PDB file of all heavy atoms in Angstrom:
ATOM      1  N   LEU A   1       3.293  10.209  -9.190  1.00  0.00           N
ATOM      2  CA  LEU A   1       2.312  10.653  -8.300  1.00  0.00           C
ATOM      3  C   LEU A   1       1.184  11.406  -9.035  1.00  0.00           C
ATOM      4  O   LEU A   1       1.506  12.230  -9.908  1.00  0.00           O
ATOM      5  CB  LEU A   1       2.920  11.558  -7.201  1.00  0.00           C
ATOM      6  CG  LEU A   1       3.995  10.934  -6.381  1.00  0.00           C
ATOM      7  CD1 LEU A   1       4.427  11.906  -5.225  1.00  0.00           C
ATOM      8  CD2 LEU A   1       3.594   9.550  -5.725  1.00  0.00           C
ATOM      9  N   THR A   2      -0.012  11.077  -8.697  1.00  0.00           N
ATOM     10  CA  THR A   2      -1.177  11.671  -9.401  1.00  0.00           C
ATOM     11  C   THR A   2      -2.154  12.409  -8.449  1.00  0.00           C
ATOM     12  O   THR A   2      -1.838  12.506  -7.244  1.00  0.00           O
ATOM     13  CB  THR A   2      -1.932  10.501 -10.191  1.00  0.00           C
ATOM     14  OG1 THR A   2      -2.391   9.598  -9.294  1.00  0.00           O
ATOM     15  CG2 THR A   2      -1.031   9.844 -11.176  1.00  0.00           C
ATOM     16  N   GLY A   3      -3.289  12.630  -8.907  1.00  0.00           N
ATOM     17  CA  GLY A   3      -4.291  13.437  -8.245  1.00  0.00           C
ATOM     18  C   GLY A   3      -4.585  13.041  -6.838  1.00  0.00           C
ATOM     19  O   GLY A   3      -4.315  12.039  -6.338  1.00  0.00           O
ATOM     20  N   ALA A   4      -5.104  14.061  -6.051  1.00  0.00           N
ATOM     21  CA  ALA A   4      -5.336  13.970  -4.623  1.00  0.00           C
ATOM     22  C   ALA A   4      -6.550  13.060  -4.410  1.00  0.00           C
ATOM     23  O   ALA A   4      -7.477  12.908  -5.258  1.00  0.00           O
ATOM     24  CB  ALA A   4      -5.562  15.333  -4.077  1.00  0.00           C
ATOM     25  N   GLY A   5      -6.588  12.534  -3.161  1.00  0.00           N
ATOM     26  CA  GLY A   5      -7.727  11.724  -2.694  1.00  0.00           C
ATOM     27  C   GLY A   5      -7.711  11.848  -1.157  1.00  0.00           C
ATOM     28  O   GLY A   5      -6.901  12.574  -0.548  1.00  0.00           O
ATOM     29  N   HIS A   6      -8.581  11.164  -0.491  1.00  0.00           N
ATOM     30  CA  HIS A   6      -8.635  11.173   0.906  1.00  0.00           C
ATOM     31  C   HIS A   6      -9.170   9.883   1.465  1.00  0.00           C
ATOM     32  O   HIS A   6      -9.822   9.077   0.818  1.00  0.00           O
ATOM     33  CB  HIS A   6      -9.615  12.296   1.326  1.00  0.00           C
ATOM     34  CG  HIS A   6     -11.043  12.162   0.899  1.00  0.00           C
ATOM     35  ND1 HIS A   6     -11.871  11.730   1.701  1.00  0.00           N
ATOM     36  CD2 HIS A   6     -11.633  12.489  -0.290  1.00  0.00           C
ATOM     37  CE1 HIS A   6     -13.112  11.669   1.053  1.00  0.00           C
ATOM     38  NE2 HIS A   6     -12.949  12.182  -0.166  1.00  0.00           N
ATOM     39  N   PHE A   7      -8.775   9.746   2.715  1.00  0.00           N
ATOM     40  CA  PHE A   7      -9.371   8.593   3.574  1.00  0.00           C
ATOM     41  C   PHE A   7     -10.334   9.280   4.541  1.00  0.00           C
ATOM     42  O   PHE A   7      -9.895   9.845   5.536  1.00  0.00           O
ATOM     43  CB  PHE A   7      -8.264   7.789   4.309  1.00  0.00           C
ATOM     44  CG  PHE A   7      -7.376   7.069   3.429  1.00  0.00           C
ATOM     45  CD1 PHE A   7      -6.002   7.216   3.504  1.00  0.00           C
ATOM     46  CD2 PHE A   7      -7.786   6.172   2.453  1.00  0.00           C
ATOM     47  CE1 PHE A   7      -5.161   6.603   2.645  1.00  0.00           C
ATOM     48  CE2 PHE A   7      -6.999   5.485   1.614  1.00  0.00           C
ATOM     49  CZ  PHE A   7      -5.609   5.655   1.705  1.00  0.00           C
ATOM     50  N   ARG A   8     -11.619   9.263   4.227  1.00  0.00           N
ATOM     51  CA  ARG A   8     -12.681   9.984   5.018  1.00  0.00           C
ATOM     52  C   ARG A   8     -12.244  11.247   5.357  1.00  0.00           C
ATOM     53  O   ARG A   8     -11.809  12.052   4.572  1.00  0.00           O
ATOM     54  CB  ARG A   8     -13.028   9.007   6.231  1.00  0.00           C
ATOM     55  CG  ARG A   8     -13.681   7.723   5.754  1.00  0.00           C
ATOM     56  CD  ARG A   8     -14.199   6.849   7.017  1.00  0.00           C
ATOM     57  NE  ARG A   8     -14.131   5.517   6.689  1.00  0.00           N
ATOM     58  CZ  ARG A   8     -13.604   4.587   7.465  1.00  0.00           C
ATOM     59  NH1 ARG A   8     -13.176   5.005   8.654  1.00  0.00           N
ATOM     60  NH2 ARG A   8     -13.573   3.304   7.125  1.00  0.00           N
ATOM     61  N   THR A   9     -12.302  11.571   6.691  1.00  0.00           N
ATOM     62  CA  THR A   9     -11.824  12.886   7.167  1.00  0.00           C
ATOM     63  C   THR A   9     -10.519  12.769   7.924  1.00  0.00           C
ATOM     64  O   THR A   9     -10.201  13.638   8.753  1.00  0.00           O
ATOM     65  CB  THR A   9     -12.905  13.554   8.042  1.00  0.00           C
ATOM     66  OG1 THR A   9     -13.182  12.732   9.145  1.00  0.00           O
ATOM     67  CG2 THR A   9     -14.095  13.922   7.235  1.00  0.00           C
ATOM     68  N   ARG A  10      -9.819  11.608   7.688  1.00  0.00           N
ATOM     69  CA  ARG A  10      -8.566  11.359   8.515  1.00  0.00           C
ATOM     70  C   ARG A  10      -7.333  11.941   7.775  1.00  0.00           C
ATOM     71  O   ARG A  10      -6.318  12.383   8.436  1.00  0.00           O
ATOM     72  CB  ARG A  10      -8.429   9.899   8.751  1.00  0.00           C
ATOM     73  CG  ARG A  10      -9.412   9.292   9.654  1.00  0.00           C
ATOM     74  CD  ARG A  10      -9.074   7.897  10.092  1.00  0.00           C
ATOM     75  NE  ARG A  10      -8.434   7.170   9.015  1.00  0.00           N
ATOM     76  CZ  ARG A  10      -8.923   6.155   8.429  1.00  0.00           C
ATOM     77  NH1 ARG A  10     -10.090   5.667   8.688  1.00  0.00           N
ATOM     78  NH2 ARG A  10      -8.237   5.507   7.443  1.00  0.00           N
ATOM     79  N   ALA A  11      -7.218  11.726   6.470  1.00  0.00           N
ATOM     80  CA  ALA A  11      -5.990  12.153   5.726  1.00  0.00           C
ATOM     81  C   ALA A  11      -6.306  12.488   4.239  1.00  0.00           C
ATOM     82  O   ALA A  11      -7.243  11.987   3.699  1.00  0.00           O
ATOM     83  CB  ALA A  11      -5.018  10.992   5.773  1.00  0.00           C
ATOM     84  N   VAL A  12      -5.411  13.283   3.699  1.00  0.00           N
ATOM     85  CA  VAL A  12      -5.480  13.572   2.265  1.00  0.00           C
ATOM     86  C   VAL A  12      -4.143  13.063   1.657  1.00  0.00           C
ATOM     87  O   VAL A  12      -3.039  13.065   2.296  1.00  0.00           O
ATOM     88  CB  VAL A  12      -5.701  15.066   1.880  1.00  0.00           C
ATOM     89  CG1 VAL A  12      -7.127  15.442   2.312  1.00  0.00           C
ATOM     90  CG2 VAL A  12      -4.689  16.044   2.454  1.00  0.00           C
ATOM     91  N   TRP A  13      -4.191  12.679   0.416  1.00  0.00           N
ATOM     92  CA  TRP A  13      -3.029  12.003  -0.196  1.00  0.00           C
ATOM     93  C   TRP A  13      -3.008  12.206  -1.660  1.00  0.00           C
ATOM     94  O   TRP A  13      -3.922  12.658  -2.328  1.00  0.00           O
ATOM     95  CB  TRP A  13      -3.055  10.528   0.085  1.00  0.00           C
ATOM     96  CG  TRP A  13      -4.416   9.761  -0.096  1.00  0.00           C
ATOM     97  CD1 TRP A  13      -5.262   9.469   0.889  1.00  0.00           C
ATOM     98  CD2 TRP A  13      -4.957   9.358  -1.354  1.00  0.00           C
ATOM     99  NE1 TRP A  13      -6.344   8.897   0.310  1.00  0.00           N
ATOM    100  CE2 TRP A  13      -6.168   8.750  -1.024  1.00  0.00           C
ATOM    101  CE3 TRP A  13      -4.549   9.378  -2.707  1.00  0.00           C
ATOM    102  CZ2 TRP A  13      -7.082   8.198  -2.016  1.00  0.00           C
ATOM    103  CZ3 TRP A  13      -5.416   8.803  -3.580  1.00  0.00           C
ATOM    104  CH2 TRP A  13      -6.641   8.294  -3.299  1.00  0.00           C
ATOM    105  N   LEU A  14      -1.838  11.852  -2.273  1.00  0.00           N
ATOM    106  CA  LEU A  14      -1.666  11.796  -3.714  1.00  0.00           C
ATOM    107  C   LEU A  14      -1.648  10.385  -4.089  1.00  0.00           C
ATOM    108  O   LEU A  14      -0.938   9.507  -3.444  1.00  0.00           O
ATOM    109  CB  LEU A  14      -0.323  12.526  -4.157  1.00  0.00           C
ATOM    110  CG  LEU A  14      -0.318  13.983  -4.018  1.00  0.00           C
ATOM    111  CD1 LEU A  14       1.160  14.511  -4.303  1.00  0.00           C
ATOM    112  CD2 LEU A  14      -1.340  14.675  -4.851  1.00  0.00           C
ATOM    113  N   GLY A  15      -2.323   9.990  -5.132  1.00  0.00           N
ATOM    114  CA  GLY A  15      -2.266   8.665  -5.728  1.00  0.00           C
ATOM    115  C   GLY A  15      -1.021   8.294  -6.442  1.00  0.00           C
ATOM    116  O   GLY A  15      -0.173   9.205  -6.636  1.00  0.00           O
ATOM    117  N   VAL A  16      -0.900   7.075  -6.824  1.00  0.00           N
ATOM    118  CA  VAL A  16       0.266   6.655  -7.545  1.00  0.00           C
ATOM    119  C   VAL A  16      -0.166   5.751  -8.760  1.00  0.00           C
ATOM    120  O   VAL A  16      -1.083   4.928  -8.659  1.00  0.00           O
ATOM    121  CB  VAL A  16       1.160   5.794  -6.658  1.00  0.00           C
ATOM    122  CG1 VAL A  16       2.446   5.279  -7.352  1.00  0.00           C
ATOM    123  CG2 VAL A  16       1.544   6.508  -5.368  1.00  0.00           C
ATOM    124  N   GLU A  17       0.373   5.985  -9.906  1.00  0.00           N
ATOM    125  CA  GLU A  17       0.107   5.236 -11.092  1.00  0.00           C
ATOM    126  C   GLU A  17       1.453   4.776 -11.690  1.00  0.00           C
ATOM    127  O   GLU A  17       2.429   5.530 -11.683  1.00  0.00           O
ATOM    128  CB  GLU A  17      -0.642   6.064 -12.065  1.00  0.00           C
ATOM    129  CG  GLU A  17      -2.064   6.419 -11.626  1.00  0.00           C
ATOM    130  CD  GLU A  17      -2.808   7.287 -12.687  1.00  0.00           C
ATOM    131  OE1 GLU A  17      -2.298   7.608 -13.747  1.00  0.00           O
ATOM    132  OE2 GLU A  17      -4.055   7.564 -12.388  1.00  0.00           O
ATOM    133  N   PRO A  18       1.512   3.660 -12.296  1.00  0.00           N
ATOM    134  CA  PRO A  18       0.535   2.481 -12.163  1.00  0.00           C
ATOM    135  C   PRO A  18       0.553   1.929 -10.758  1.00  0.00           C
ATOM    136  O   PRO A  18       1.588   1.914 -10.096  1.00  0.00           O
ATOM    137  CB  PRO A  18       0.974   1.507 -13.226  1.00  0.00           C
ATOM    138  CG  PRO A  18       2.382   1.674 -13.301  1.00  0.00           C
ATOM    139  CD  PRO A  18       2.649   3.164 -13.062  1.00  0.00           C
ATOM    140  N   GLU A  19      -0.616   1.337 -10.328  1.00  0.00           N
ATOM    141  CA  GLU A  19      -0.645   0.779  -8.969  1.00  0.00           C
ATOM    142  C   GLU A  19      -0.127  -0.644  -8.950  1.00  0.00           C
ATOM    143  O   GLU A  19       0.381  -1.155  -7.985  1.00  0.00           O
ATOM    144  CB  GLU A  19      -2.046   0.764  -8.480  1.00  0.00           C
ATOM    145  CG  GLU A  19      -2.648   2.195  -8.108  1.00  0.00           C
ATOM    146  CD  GLU A  19      -3.986   2.080  -7.442  1.00  0.00           C
ATOM    147  OE1 GLU A  19      -4.716   1.046  -7.585  1.00  0.00           O
ATOM    148  OE2 GLU A  19      -4.356   3.080  -6.813  1.00  0.00           O
ATOM    149  N   ALA A  20      -0.262  -1.382 -10.100  1.00  0.00           N
ATOM    150  CA  ALA A  20      -0.015  -2.797 -10.132  1.00  0.00           C
ATOM    151  C   ALA A  20       1.402  -3.199  -9.572  1.00  0.00           C
ATOM    152  O   ALA A  20       1.525  -4.109  -8.783  1.00  0.00           O
ATOM    153  CB  ALA A  20      -0.240  -3.388 -11.548  1.00  0.00           C
ATOM    154  N   PRO A  21       2.475  -2.571 -10.029  1.00  0.00           N
ATOM    155  CA  PRO A  21       3.871  -3.002  -9.516  1.00  0.00           C
ATOM    156  C   PRO A  21       3.952  -2.781  -8.068  1.00  0.00           C
ATOM    157  O   PRO A  21       4.667  -3.483  -7.332  1.00  0.00           O
ATOM    158  CB  PRO A  21       4.825  -2.195 -10.352  1.00  0.00           C
ATOM    159  CG  PRO A  21       4.080  -1.087 -10.988  1.00  0.00           C
ATOM    160  CD  PRO A  21       2.633  -1.490 -11.126  1.00  0.00           C
ATOM    161  N   LEU A  22       3.310  -1.682  -7.479  1.00  0.00           N
ATOM    162  CA  LEU A  22       3.396  -1.445  -6.002  1.00  0.00           C
ATOM    163  C   LEU A  22       2.600  -2.440  -5.220  1.00  0.00           C
ATOM    164  O   LEU A  22       2.943  -2.892  -4.234  1.00  0.00           O
ATOM    165  CB  LEU A  22       2.939  -0.008  -5.756  1.00  0.00           C
ATOM    166  CG  LEU A  22       3.990   0.991  -6.022  1.00  0.00           C
ATOM    167  CD1 LEU A  22       3.407   2.398  -6.102  1.00  0.00           C
ATOM    168  CD2 LEU A  22       5.074   0.934  -4.923  1.00  0.00           C
ATOM    169  N   ILE A  23       1.428  -2.843  -5.852  1.00  0.00           N
ATOM    170  CA  ILE A  23       0.586  -3.874  -5.238  1.00  0.00           C
ATOM    171  C   ILE A  23       1.312  -5.242  -5.223  1.00  0.00           C
ATOM    172  O   ILE A  23       1.368  -5.962  -4.194  1.00  0.00           O
ATOM    173  CB  ILE A  23      -0.768  -4.016  -5.910  1.00  0.00           C
ATOM    174  CG1 ILE A  23      -1.600  -2.724  -5.653  1.00  0.00           C
ATOM    175  CG2 ILE A  23      -1.513  -5.259  -5.475  1.00  0.00           C
ATOM    176  CD1 ILE A  23      -2.862  -2.584  -6.449  1.00  0.00           C
ATOM    177  N   ASP A  24       2.045  -5.510  -6.282  1.00  0.00           N
ATOM    178  CA  ASP A  24       2.960  -6.753  -6.345  1.00  0.00           C
ATOM    179  C   ASP A  24       3.946  -6.699  -5.306  1.00  0.00           C
ATOM    180  O   ASP A  24       4.164  -7.710  -4.611  1.00  0.00           O
ATOM    181  CB  ASP A  24       3.464  -6.963  -7.735  1.00  0.00           C
ATOM    182  CG  ASP A  24       2.441  -7.238  -8.834  1.00  0.00           C
ATOM    183  OD1 ASP A  24       1.320  -7.718  -8.494  1.00  0.00           O
ATOM    184  OD2 ASP A  24       2.889  -7.189  -9.999  1.00  0.00           O
ATOM    185  N   LEU A  25       4.692  -5.520  -5.166  1.00  0.00           N
ATOM    186  CA  LEU A  25       5.744  -5.458  -4.136  1.00  0.00           C
ATOM    187  C   LEU A  25       5.139  -5.409  -2.686  1.00  0.00           C
ATOM    188  O   LEU A  25       5.705  -6.122  -1.871  1.00  0.00           O
ATOM    189  CB  LEU A  25       6.478  -4.125  -4.313  1.00  0.00           C
ATOM    190  CG  LEU A  25       7.659  -3.769  -3.383  1.00  0.00           C
ATOM    191  CD1 LEU A  25       8.657  -4.912  -3.441  1.00  0.00           C
ATOM    192  CD2 LEU A  25       8.252  -2.418  -3.691  1.00  0.00           C
ATOM    193  N   HIS A  26       3.986  -4.825  -2.539  1.00  0.00           N
ATOM    194  CA  HIS A  26       3.258  -4.971  -1.227  1.00  0.00           C
ATOM    195  C   HIS A  26       3.006  -6.450  -0.948  1.00  0.00           C
ATOM    196  O   HIS A  26       3.350  -6.866   0.251  1.00  0.00           O
ATOM    197  CB  HIS A  26       1.978  -4.139  -1.318  1.00  0.00           C
ATOM    198  CG  HIS A  26       0.950  -4.511  -0.198  1.00  0.00           C
ATOM    199  ND1 HIS A  26       1.067  -3.940   1.038  1.00  0.00           N
ATOM    200  CD2 HIS A  26      -0.084  -5.322  -0.264  1.00  0.00           C
ATOM    201  CE1 HIS A  26       0.127  -4.471   1.720  1.00  0.00           C
ATOM    202  NE2 HIS A  26      -0.695  -5.238   1.037  1.00  0.00           N
ATOM    203  N   ASN A  27       2.514  -7.168  -1.834  1.00  0.00           N
ATOM    204  CA  ASN A  27       2.142  -8.567  -1.568  1.00  0.00           C
ATOM    205  C   ASN A  27       3.391  -9.461  -1.341  1.00  0.00           C
ATOM    206  O   ASN A  27       3.431 -10.345  -0.470  1.00  0.00           O
ATOM    207  CB  ASN A  27       1.299  -9.192  -2.699  1.00  0.00           C
ATOM    208  CG  ASN A  27      -0.055  -8.564  -2.775  1.00  0.00           C
ATOM    209  OD1 ASN A  27      -0.608  -8.126  -1.705  1.00  0.00           O
ATOM    210  ND2 ASN A  27      -0.613  -8.585  -3.879  1.00  0.00           N
ATOM    211  N   GLN A  28       4.485  -9.196  -2.147  1.00  0.00           N
ATOM    212  CA  GLN A  28       5.679  -9.944  -1.934  1.00  0.00           C
ATOM    213  C   GLN A  28       6.285  -9.607  -0.532  1.00  0.00           C
ATOM    214  O   GLN A  28       6.680 -10.511   0.216  1.00  0.00           O
ATOM    215  CB  GLN A  28       6.738  -9.465  -3.030  1.00  0.00           C
ATOM    216  CG  GLN A  28       8.120  -9.998  -2.800  1.00  0.00           C
ATOM    217  CD  GLN A  28       9.103  -9.444  -3.765  1.00  0.00           C
ATOM    218  OE1 GLN A  28       8.767  -8.804  -4.866  1.00  0.00           O
ATOM    219  NE2 GLN A  28      10.377  -9.636  -3.533  1.00  0.00           N
ATOM    220  N   ASP A  29       6.272  -8.342  -0.163  1.00  0.00           N
ATOM    221  CA  ASP A  29       6.806  -7.906   1.186  1.00  0.00           C
ATOM    222  C   ASP A  29       5.881  -8.509   2.297  1.00  0.00           C
ATOM    223  O   ASP A  29       6.419  -8.961   3.234  1.00  0.00           O
ATOM    224  CB  ASP A  29       6.886  -6.415   1.192  1.00  0.00           C
ATOM    225  CG  ASP A  29       7.430  -5.826   2.474  1.00  0.00           C
ATOM    226  OD1 ASP A  29       8.542  -6.292   2.901  1.00  0.00           O
ATOM    227  OD2 ASP A  29       6.821  -4.947   3.034  1.00  0.00           O
ATOM    228  N   LYS A  30       4.664  -8.469   2.100  1.00  0.00           N
ATOM    229  CA  LYS A  30       3.695  -8.979   3.132  1.00  0.00           C
ATOM    230  C   LYS A  30       3.969 -10.448   3.373  1.00  0.00           C
ATOM    231  O   LYS A  30       3.978 -10.886   4.438  1.00  0.00           O
ATOM    232  CB  LYS A  30       2.282  -8.712   2.627  1.00  0.00           C
ATOM    233  CG  LYS A  30       1.245  -9.180   3.631  1.00  0.00           C
ATOM    234  CD  LYS A  30      -0.213  -8.673   3.114  1.00  0.00           C
ATOM    235  CE  LYS A  30      -1.149  -9.059   4.254  1.00  0.00           C
ATOM    236  NZ  LYS A  30      -2.573  -8.546   3.754  1.00  0.00           N
ATOM    237  N   ALA A  31       4.183 -11.176   2.244  1.00  0.00           N
ATOM    238  CA  ALA A  31       4.467 -12.675   2.438  1.00  0.00           C
ATOM    239  C   ALA A  31       5.779 -12.885   3.238  1.00  0.00           C
ATOM    240  O   ALA A  31       5.820 -13.718   4.071  1.00  0.00           O
ATOM    241  CB  ALA A  31       4.519 -13.349   1.059  1.00  0.00           C
ATOM    242  N   ALA A  32       6.817 -12.116   2.908  1.00  0.00           N
ATOM    243  CA  ALA A  32       8.138 -12.199   3.632  1.00  0.00           C
ATOM    244  C   ALA A  32       7.889 -11.883   5.067  1.00  0.00           C
ATOM    245  O   ALA A  32       8.512 -12.519   5.974  1.00  0.00           O
ATOM    246  CB  ALA A  32       9.080 -11.358   2.913  1.00  0.00           C
ATOM    247  N   LEU A  33       7.190 -10.761   5.422  1.00  0.00           N
ATOM    248  CA  LEU A  33       6.967 -10.376   6.789  1.00  0.00           C
ATOM    249  C   LEU A  33       6.118 -11.437   7.544  1.00  0.00           C
ATOM    250  O   LEU A  33       6.476 -11.684   8.713  1.00  0.00           O
ATOM    251  CB  LEU A  33       6.330  -9.072   6.810  1.00  0.00           C
ATOM    252  CG  LEU A  33       7.216  -7.834   6.280  1.00  0.00           C
ATOM    253  CD1 LEU A  33       6.424  -6.609   6.074  1.00  0.00           C
ATOM    254  CD2 LEU A  33       8.377  -7.536   7.312  1.00  0.00           C
ATOM    255  N   THR A  34       5.122 -11.875   6.872  1.00  0.00           N
ATOM    256  CA  THR A  34       4.258 -12.912   7.493  1.00  0.00           C
ATOM    257  C   THR A  34       5.081 -14.171   7.832  1.00  0.00           C
ATOM    258  O   THR A  34       4.929 -14.822   8.873  1.00  0.00           O
ATOM    259  CB  THR A  34       3.106 -13.186   6.651  1.00  0.00           C
ATOM    260  OG1 THR A  34       2.345 -12.024   6.395  1.00  0.00           O
ATOM    261  CG2 THR A  34       2.119 -14.296   7.270  1.00  0.00           C
ATOM    262  N   ALA A  35       5.950 -14.593   6.981  1.00  0.00           N
ATOM    263  CA  ALA A  35       6.858 -15.746   7.180  1.00  0.00           C
ATOM    264  C   ALA A  35       7.685 -15.583   8.399  1.00  0.00           C
ATOM    265  O   ALA A  35       8.103 -16.566   9.074  1.00  0.00           O
ATOM    266  CB  ALA A  35       7.718 -16.065   5.973  1.00  0.00           C
ATOM    267  N   LEU A  36       8.009 -14.263   8.775  1.00  0.00           N
ATOM    268  CA  LEU A  36       8.808 -14.044   9.975  1.00  0.00           C
ATOM    269  C   LEU A  36       7.900 -13.988  11.214  1.00  0.00           C
ATOM    270  O   LEU A  36       8.448 -13.676  12.357  1.00  0.00           O
ATOM    271  CB  LEU A  36       9.505 -12.662   9.894  1.00  0.00           C
ATOM    272  CG  LEU A  36      10.609 -12.649   8.769  1.00  0.00           C
ATOM    273  CD1 LEU A  36      11.185 -11.188   8.768  1.00  0.00           C
ATOM    274  CD2 LEU A  36      11.738 -13.577   9.259  1.00  0.00           C
ATOM    275  N   GLY A  37       6.609 -14.151  11.099  1.00  0.00           N
ATOM    276  CA  GLY A  37       5.694 -14.123  12.214  1.00  0.00           C
ATOM    277  C   GLY A  37       5.079 -12.722  12.483  1.00  0.00           C
ATOM    278  O   GLY A  37       4.464 -12.604  13.468  1.00  0.00           O
ATOM    279  N   VAL A  38       5.309 -11.738  11.557  1.00  0.00           N
ATOM    280  CA  VAL A  38       4.674 -10.431  11.747  1.00  0.00           C
ATOM    281  C   VAL A  38       3.165 -10.574  11.357  1.00  0.00           C
ATOM    282  O   VAL A  38       2.882 -11.059  10.235  1.00  0.00           O
ATOM    283  CB  VAL A  38       5.427  -9.391  10.847  1.00  0.00           C
ATOM    284  CG1 VAL A  38       4.785  -8.049  10.983  1.00  0.00           C
ATOM    285  CG2 VAL A  38       6.914  -9.387  11.246  1.00  0.00           C
ATOM    286  N   THR A  39       2.370  -9.966  12.179  1.00  0.00           N
ATOM    287  CA  THR A  39       0.930  -9.887  11.891  1.00  0.00           C
ATOM    288  C   THR A  39       0.687  -8.567  11.231  1.00  0.00           C
ATOM    289  O   THR A  39       0.960  -7.471  11.808  1.00  0.00           O
ATOM    290  CB  THR A  39       0.087 -10.038  13.164  1.00  0.00           C
ATOM    291  OG1 THR A  39       0.397 -11.291  13.758  1.00  0.00           O
ATOM    292  CG2 THR A  39      -1.434 -10.046  12.805  1.00  0.00           C
ATOM    293  N   LEU A  40       0.218  -8.496  10.047  1.00  0.00           N
ATOM    294  CA  LEU A  40      -0.138  -7.281   9.303  1.00  0.00           C
ATOM    295  C   LEU A  40      -1.593  -7.023   9.155  1.00  0.00           C
ATOM    296  O   LEU A  40      -2.373  -7.970   9.209  1.00  0.00           O
ATOM    297  CB  LEU A  40       0.528  -7.365   7.893  1.00  0.00           C
ATOM    298  CG  LEU A  40       2.081  -7.441   7.921  1.00  0.00           C
ATOM    299  CD1 LEU A  40       2.635  -7.724   6.499  1.00  0.00           C
ATOM    300  CD2 LEU A  40       2.737  -6.207   8.504  1.00  0.00           C
ATOM    301  N   ASP A  41      -1.905  -5.762   8.836  1.00  0.00           N
ATOM    302  CA  ASP A  41      -3.314  -5.418   8.615  1.00  0.00           C
ATOM    303  C   ASP A  41      -3.775  -6.035   7.344  1.00  0.00           C
ATOM    304  O   ASP A  41      -3.062  -6.189   6.357  1.00  0.00           O
ATOM    305  CB  ASP A  41      -3.306  -3.879   8.486  1.00  0.00           C
ATOM    306  CG  ASP A  41      -4.593  -3.211   8.647  1.00  0.00           C
ATOM    307  OD1 ASP A  41      -5.547  -3.940   8.850  1.00  0.00           O
ATOM    308  OD2 ASP A  41      -4.597  -1.974   8.635  1.00  0.00           O
TER     309      ASP A  41
END
């Protein structure tokens, strides 16, 4: 977990490094969920 950031004035967060393996897991999971008929953002 790395430095703080924010989403406009809605939330503050800590970043994550490296991002690439999490993005890969996100995409893998998204494909599996979509195959079940789940509509994702």
